[in-house]
Amino acid sequence: MRRCRYAVLEQLMNNGREDHEAGSAEDRTAAEAARNDAEEFRRLAEQAREGRDHNREALETIRQQQERLRETAETARIAGEEARTAAEAARMAGEDARVAADSARAAVVDAVRATADAMNASIEQMKIVEDMRRTLRDIRDTYKLDSGDSN
């Protein structure tokens, strides 16, 4: 009976070794497949990392472009504001010039009127002087006549 047990044990051990050897071949194949799968996953993960890095760089480029556009827009806004301010100043200067031109025109009209009034006054004075000369001539002529009759 003991022999039988030993035979059974020996047979189980031999079967276990065979199973183990068969399992080893299967294990090696499974391990190789797992290594291949792991390598494939590692390669895919690396590609995904590279893709993320590429996307991150593209997003950074876009962010920088947007920042430059914002800066350009701000510069344009400031330039527009300065142009609006300059236009307002020019409009006000134009209005001031118009008012000054109106004042100058009124001053010229007043000066022309004053000159015309002065000329009219001079003409009136000349007429008076001419009348006085006539009167003096008439008086002189009358005096000559009176003096000539007495002689």
C-alpha atoms as a PDB file:
ATOM      1  CA  MET A   1       0.000   0.000   0.000  1.00  0.00           C
ATOM      2  CA  ARG A   2       2.861   2.199   0.758  1.00  0.00           C
ATOM      3  CA  ARG A   3       4.247   1.491  -2.570  1.00  0.00           C
ATOM      4  CA  CYS A   4       1.016   2.445  -4.118  1.00  0.00           C
ATOM      5  CA  ARG A   5       0.969   5.703  -2.352  1.00  0.00           C
ATOM      6  CA  TYR A   6       4.494   6.427  -3.439  1.00  0.00           C
ATOM      7  CA  ALA A   7       3.588   5.509  -6.963  1.00  0.00           C
ATOM      8  CA  VAL A   8       0.610   7.824  -6.886  1.00  0.00           C
ATOM      9  CA  LEU A   9       2.696  10.588  -5.396  1.00  0.00           C
ATOM     10  CA  GLU A  10       5.401   9.973  -7.928  1.00  0.00           C
ATOM     11  CA  GLN A  11       2.881  10.009 -10.710  1.00  0.00           C
ATOM     12  CA  LEU A  12       1.329  13.260  -9.371  1.00  0.00           C
ATOM     13  CA  MET A  13       4.747  14.850  -9.151  1.00  0.00           C
ATOM     14  CA  ASN A  14       5.618  13.718 -12.651  1.00  0.00           C
ATOM     15  CA  ASN A  15       2.295  15.023 -13.890  1.00  0.00           C
ATOM     16  CA  GLY A  16       2.937  18.289 -11.995  1.00  0.00           C
ATOM     17  CA  ARG A  17       6.345  18.600 -13.617  1.00  0.00           C
ATOM     18  CA  GLU A  18       4.859  17.916 -17.004  1.00  0.00           C
ATOM     19  CA  ASP A  19       2.089  20.364 -16.260  1.00  0.00           C
ATOM     20  CA  HIS A  20       4.676  22.792 -14.977  1.00  0.00           C
ATOM     21  CA  GLU A  21       6.843  22.276 -18.048  1.00  0.00           C
ATOM     22  CA  ALA A  22       3.814  22.660 -20.259  1.00  0.00           C
ATOM     23  CA  GLY A  23       2.798  25.605 -18.125  1.00  0.00           C
ATOM     24  CA  SER A  24       6.272  27.054 -18.458  1.00  0.00           C
ATOM     25  CA  ALA A  25       6.029  27.066 -22.232  1.00  0.00           C
ATOM     26  CA  GLU A  26       2.600  28.629 -21.986  1.00  0.00           C
ATOM     27  CA  ASP A  27       3.861  30.992 -19.308  1.00  0.00           C
ATOM     28  CA  ARG A  28       6.784  31.999 -21.496  1.00  0.00           C
ATOM     29  CA  THR A  29       4.432  32.628 -24.434  1.00  0.00           C
ATOM     30  CA  ALA A  30       2.063  34.555 -22.163  1.00  0.00           C
ATOM     31  CA  ALA A  31       4.962  36.481 -20.673  1.00  0.00           C
ATOM     32  CA  GLU A  32       6.282  37.307 -24.169  1.00  0.00           C
ATOM     33  CA  ALA A  33       2.790  38.398 -25.231  1.00  0.00           C
ATOM     34  CA  ALA A  34       2.512  40.479 -22.052  1.00  0.00           C
ATOM     35  CA  ARG A  35       5.930  42.030 -22.771  1.00  0.00           C
ATOM     36  CA  ASN A  36       4.827  42.763 -26.334  1.00  0.00           C
ATOM     37  CA  ASP A  37       1.568  44.249 -25.048  1.00  0.00           C
ATOM     38  CA  ALA A  38       3.471  46.288 -22.456  1.00  0.00           C
ATOM     39  CA  GLU A  39       5.878  47.502 -25.140  1.00  0.00           C
ATOM     40  CA  GLU A  40       2.920  48.411 -27.366  1.00  0.00           C
ATOM     41  CA  PHE A  41       1.245  50.243 -24.477  1.00  0.00           C
ATOM     42  CA  ARG A  42       4.532  52.020 -23.695  1.00  0.00           C
ATOM     43  CA  ARG A  43       4.855  53.035 -27.361  1.00  0.00           C
ATOM     44  CA  LEU A  44       1.236  54.218 -27.440  1.00  0.00           C
ATOM     45  CA  ALA A  45       1.733  56.114 -24.181  1.00  0.00           C
ATOM     46  CA  GLU A  46       4.857  57.763 -25.637  1.00  0.00           C
ATOM     47  CA  GLN A  47       2.902  58.705 -28.755  1.00  0.00           C
ATOM     48  CA  ALA A  48       0.118  60.080 -26.567  1.00  0.00           C
ATOM     49  CA  ARG A  49       2.704  62.082 -24.561  1.00  0.00           C
ATOM     50  CA  GLU A  50       4.220  63.401 -27.768  1.00  0.00           C
ATOM     51  CA  GLY A  51       0.728  64.275 -29.027  1.00  0.00           C
ATOM     52  CA  ARG A  52      -0.055  66.072 -25.753  1.00  0.00           C
ATOM     53  CA  ASP A  53       3.274  67.900 -25.933  1.00  0.00           C
ATOM     54  CA  HIS A  54       2.566  68.881 -29.523  1.00  0.00           C
ATOM     55  CA  ASN A  55      -0.934  70.051 -28.588  1.00  0.00           C
ATOM     56  CA  ARG A  56       0.464  71.942 -25.597  1.00  0.00           C
ATOM     57  CA  GLU A  57       2.987  73.684 -27.863  1.00  0.00           C
ATOM     58  CA  ALA A  58       0.259  74.476 -30.407  1.00  0.00           C
ATOM     59  CA  LEU A  59      -1.956  75.875 -27.642  1.00  0.00           C
ATOM     60  CA  GLU A  60       0.952  77.955 -26.345  1.00  0.00           C
ATOM     61  CA  THR A  61       1.556  79.291 -29.867  1.00  0.00           C
ATOM     62  CA  ILE A  62      -2.135  80.145 -30.178  1.00  0.00           C
ATOM     63  CA  ARG A  63      -2.081  81.790 -26.734  1.00  0.00           C
ATOM     64  CA  GLN A  64       0.942  83.867 -27.741  1.00  0.00           C
ATOM     65  CA  GLN A  65      -0.756  84.853 -31.011  1.00  0.00           C
ATOM     66  CA  GLN A  66      -3.878  85.845 -29.105  1.00  0.00           C
ATOM     67  CA  GLU A  67      -1.756  87.896 -26.711  1.00  0.00           C
ATOM     68  CA  ARG A  68      -0.073  89.639 -29.649  1.00  0.00           C
ATOM     69  CA  LEU A  69      -3.494  90.274 -31.190  1.00  0.00           C
ATOM     70  CA  ARG A  70      -4.716  91.683 -27.871  1.00  0.00           C
ATOM     71  CA  GLU A  71      -1.666  93.934 -27.708  1.00  0.00           C
ATOM     72  CA  THR A  72      -2.212  95.016 -31.323  1.00  0.00           C
ATOM     73  CA  ALA A  73      -5.878  95.678 -30.618  1.00  0.00           C
ATOM     74  CA  GLU A  74      -4.961  97.711 -27.538  1.00  0.00           C
ATOM     75  CA  THR A  75      -2.411  99.685 -29.564  1.00  0.00           C
ATOM     76  CA  ALA A  76      -5.048 100.284 -32.240  1.00  0.00           C
ATOM     77  CA  ARG A  77      -7.577 101.329 -29.588  1.00  0.00           C
ATOM     78  CA  ILE A  78      -5.082 103.785 -28.081  1.00  0.00           C
ATOM     79  CA  ALA A  79      -4.207 105.126 -31.542  1.00  0.00           C
ATOM     80  CA  GLY A  80      -7.917 105.490 -32.296  1.00  0.00           C
ATOM     81  CA  GLU A  81      -8.454 107.325 -29.037  1.00  0.00           C
ATOM     82  CA  GLU A  82      -5.511 109.611 -29.799  1.00  0.00           C
ATOM     83  CA  ALA A  83      -6.887 110.219 -33.301  1.00  0.00           C
ATOM     84  CA  ARG A  84     -10.314 111.000 -31.830  1.00  0.00           C
ATOM     85  CA  THR A  85      -8.711 113.401 -29.350  1.00  0.00           C
ATOM     86  CA  ALA A  86      -6.687 115.032 -32.149  1.00  0.00           C
ATOM     87  CA  ALA A  87      -9.816 115.301 -34.299  1.00  0.00           C
ATOM     88  CA  GLU A  88     -11.693 116.894 -31.411  1.00  0.00           C
ATOM     89  CA  ALA A  89      -8.816 119.333 -30.855  1.00  0.00           C
ATOM     90  CA  ALA A  90      -8.777 120.119 -34.591  1.00  0.00           C
ATOM     91  CA  ARG A  91     -12.541 120.631 -34.556  1.00  0.00           C
ATOM     92  CA  MET A  92     -12.227 122.985 -31.600  1.00  0.00           C
ATOM     93  CA  ALA A  93      -9.325 124.820 -33.278  1.00  0.00           C
ATOM     94  CA  GLY A  94     -11.429 125.082 -36.438  1.00  0.00           C
ATOM     95  CA  GLU A  95     -14.306 126.492 -34.422  1.00  0.00           C
ATOM     96  CA  ASP A  96     -11.932 128.959 -32.731  1.00  0.00           C
ATOM     97  CA  ALA A  97     -10.558 129.929 -36.150  1.00  0.00           C
ATOM     98  CA  ARG A  98     -14.103 130.433 -37.459  1.00  0.00           C
ATOM     99  CA  VAL A  99     -14.942 132.646 -34.486  1.00  0.00           C
ATOM    100  CA  ALA A 100     -11.671 134.567 -34.983  1.00  0.00           C
ATOM    101  CA  ALA A 101     -12.407 134.934 -38.712  1.00  0.00           C
ATOM    102  CA  ASP A 102     -15.905 136.220 -37.918  1.00  0.00           C
ATOM    103  CA  SER A 103     -14.413 138.670 -35.428  1.00  0.00           C
ATOM    104  CA  ALA A 104     -11.788 139.756 -37.962  1.00  0.00           C
ATOM    105  CA  ARG A 105     -14.469 140.188 -40.627  1.00  0.00           C
ATOM    106  CA  ALA A 106     -16.549 142.290 -38.251  1.00  0.00           C
ATOM    107  CA  ALA A 107     -13.436 144.342 -37.387  1.00  0.00           C
ATOM    108  CA  VAL A 108     -12.702 144.874 -41.096  1.00  0.00           C
ATOM    109  CA  VAL A 109     -16.303 145.909 -41.724  1.00  0.00           C
ATOM    110  CA  ASP A 110     -16.091 148.310 -38.771  1.00  0.00           C
ATOM    111  CA  ALA A 111     -12.749 149.661 -40.059  1.00  0.00           C
ATOM    112  CA  VAL A 112     -14.188 150.146 -43.561  1.00  0.00           C
ATOM    113  CA  ARG A 113     -17.195 151.930 -42.104  1.00  0.00           C
ATOM    114  CA  ALA A 114     -14.940 154.069 -39.906  1.00  0.00           C
ATOM    115  CA  THR A 115     -12.783 154.861 -42.949  1.00  0.00           C
ATOM    116  CA  ALA A 116     -15.874 155.736 -44.967  1.00  0.00           C
ATOM    117  CA  ASP A 117     -17.157 157.916 -42.118  1.00  0.00           C
ATOM    118  CA  ALA A 118     -13.736 159.605 -41.866  1.00  0.00           C
ATOM    119  CA  MET A 119     -13.683 160.186 -45.613  1.00  0.00           C
ATOM    120  CA  ASN A 120     -17.207 161.593 -45.523  1.00  0.00           C
ATOM    121  CA  ALA A 121     -16.155 163.875 -42.660  1.00  0.00           C
ATOM    122  CA  SER A 122     -13.090 164.942 -44.680  1.00  0.00           C
ATOM    123  CA  ILE A 123     -15.285 165.664 -47.708  1.00  0.00           C
ATOM    124  CA  GLU A 124     -17.628 167.699 -45.548  1.00  0.00           C
ATOM    125  CA  GLN A 125     -14.657 169.613 -44.132  1.00  0.00           C
ATOM    126  CA  MET A 126     -13.300 170.178 -47.652  1.00  0.00           C
ATOM    127  CA  LYS A 127     -16.699 171.517 -48.718  1.00  0.00           C
ATOM    128  CA  ILE A 128     -16.688 173.877 -45.733  1.00  0.00           C
ATOM    129  CA  VAL A 129     -13.136 174.992 -46.545  1.00  0.00           C
ATOM    130  CA  GLU A 130     -14.123 175.531 -50.185  1.00  0.00           C
ATOM    131  CA  ASP A 131     -17.173 177.503 -49.071  1.00  0.00           C
ATOM    132  CA  MET A 132     -14.948 179.582 -46.797  1.00  0.00           C
ATOM    133  CA  ARG A 133     -12.542 180.296 -49.699  1.00  0.00           C
ATOM    134  CA  ARG A 134     -15.410 181.357 -51.910  1.00  0.00           C
ATOM    135  CA  THR A 135     -16.699 183.578 -49.189  1.00  0.00           C
ATOM    136  CA  LEU A 136     -13.227 185.050 -48.654  1.00  0.00           C
ATOM    137  CA  ARG A 137     -12.827 185.640 -52.414  1.00  0.00           C
ATOM    138  CA  ASP A 138     -16.217 187.235 -52.509  1.00  0.00           C
ATOM    139  CA  ILE A 139     -15.267 189.423 -49.563  1.00  0.00           C
ATOM    140  CA  ARG A 140     -11.933 190.317 -51.151  1.00  0.00           C
ATOM    141  CA  ASP A 141     -13.583 191.045 -54.465  1.00  0.00           C
ATOM    142  CA  THR A 142     -16.156 193.172 -52.726  1.00  0.00           C
ATOM    143  CA  TYR A 143     -13.439 195.033 -50.771  1.00  0.00           C
ATOM    144  CA  LYS A 144     -11.462 195.651 -53.942  1.00  0.00           C
ATOM    145  CA  LEU A 145     -14.520 197.057 -55.568  1.00  0.00           C
ATOM    146  CA  ASP A 146     -15.238 199.283 -52.611  1.00  0.00           C
ATOM    147  CA  SER A 147     -11.663 200.456 -52.476  1.00  0.00           C
ATOM    148  CA  GLY A 148     -11.539 201.054 -56.164  1.00  0.00           C
ATOM    149  CA  ASP A 149     -14.657 203.290 -56.079  1.00  0.00           C
ATOM    150  CA  SER A 150     -13.174 205.477 -53.433  1.00  0.00           C
ATOM    151  CA  ASN A 151     -10.107 206.287 -55.415  1.00  0.00           C
END
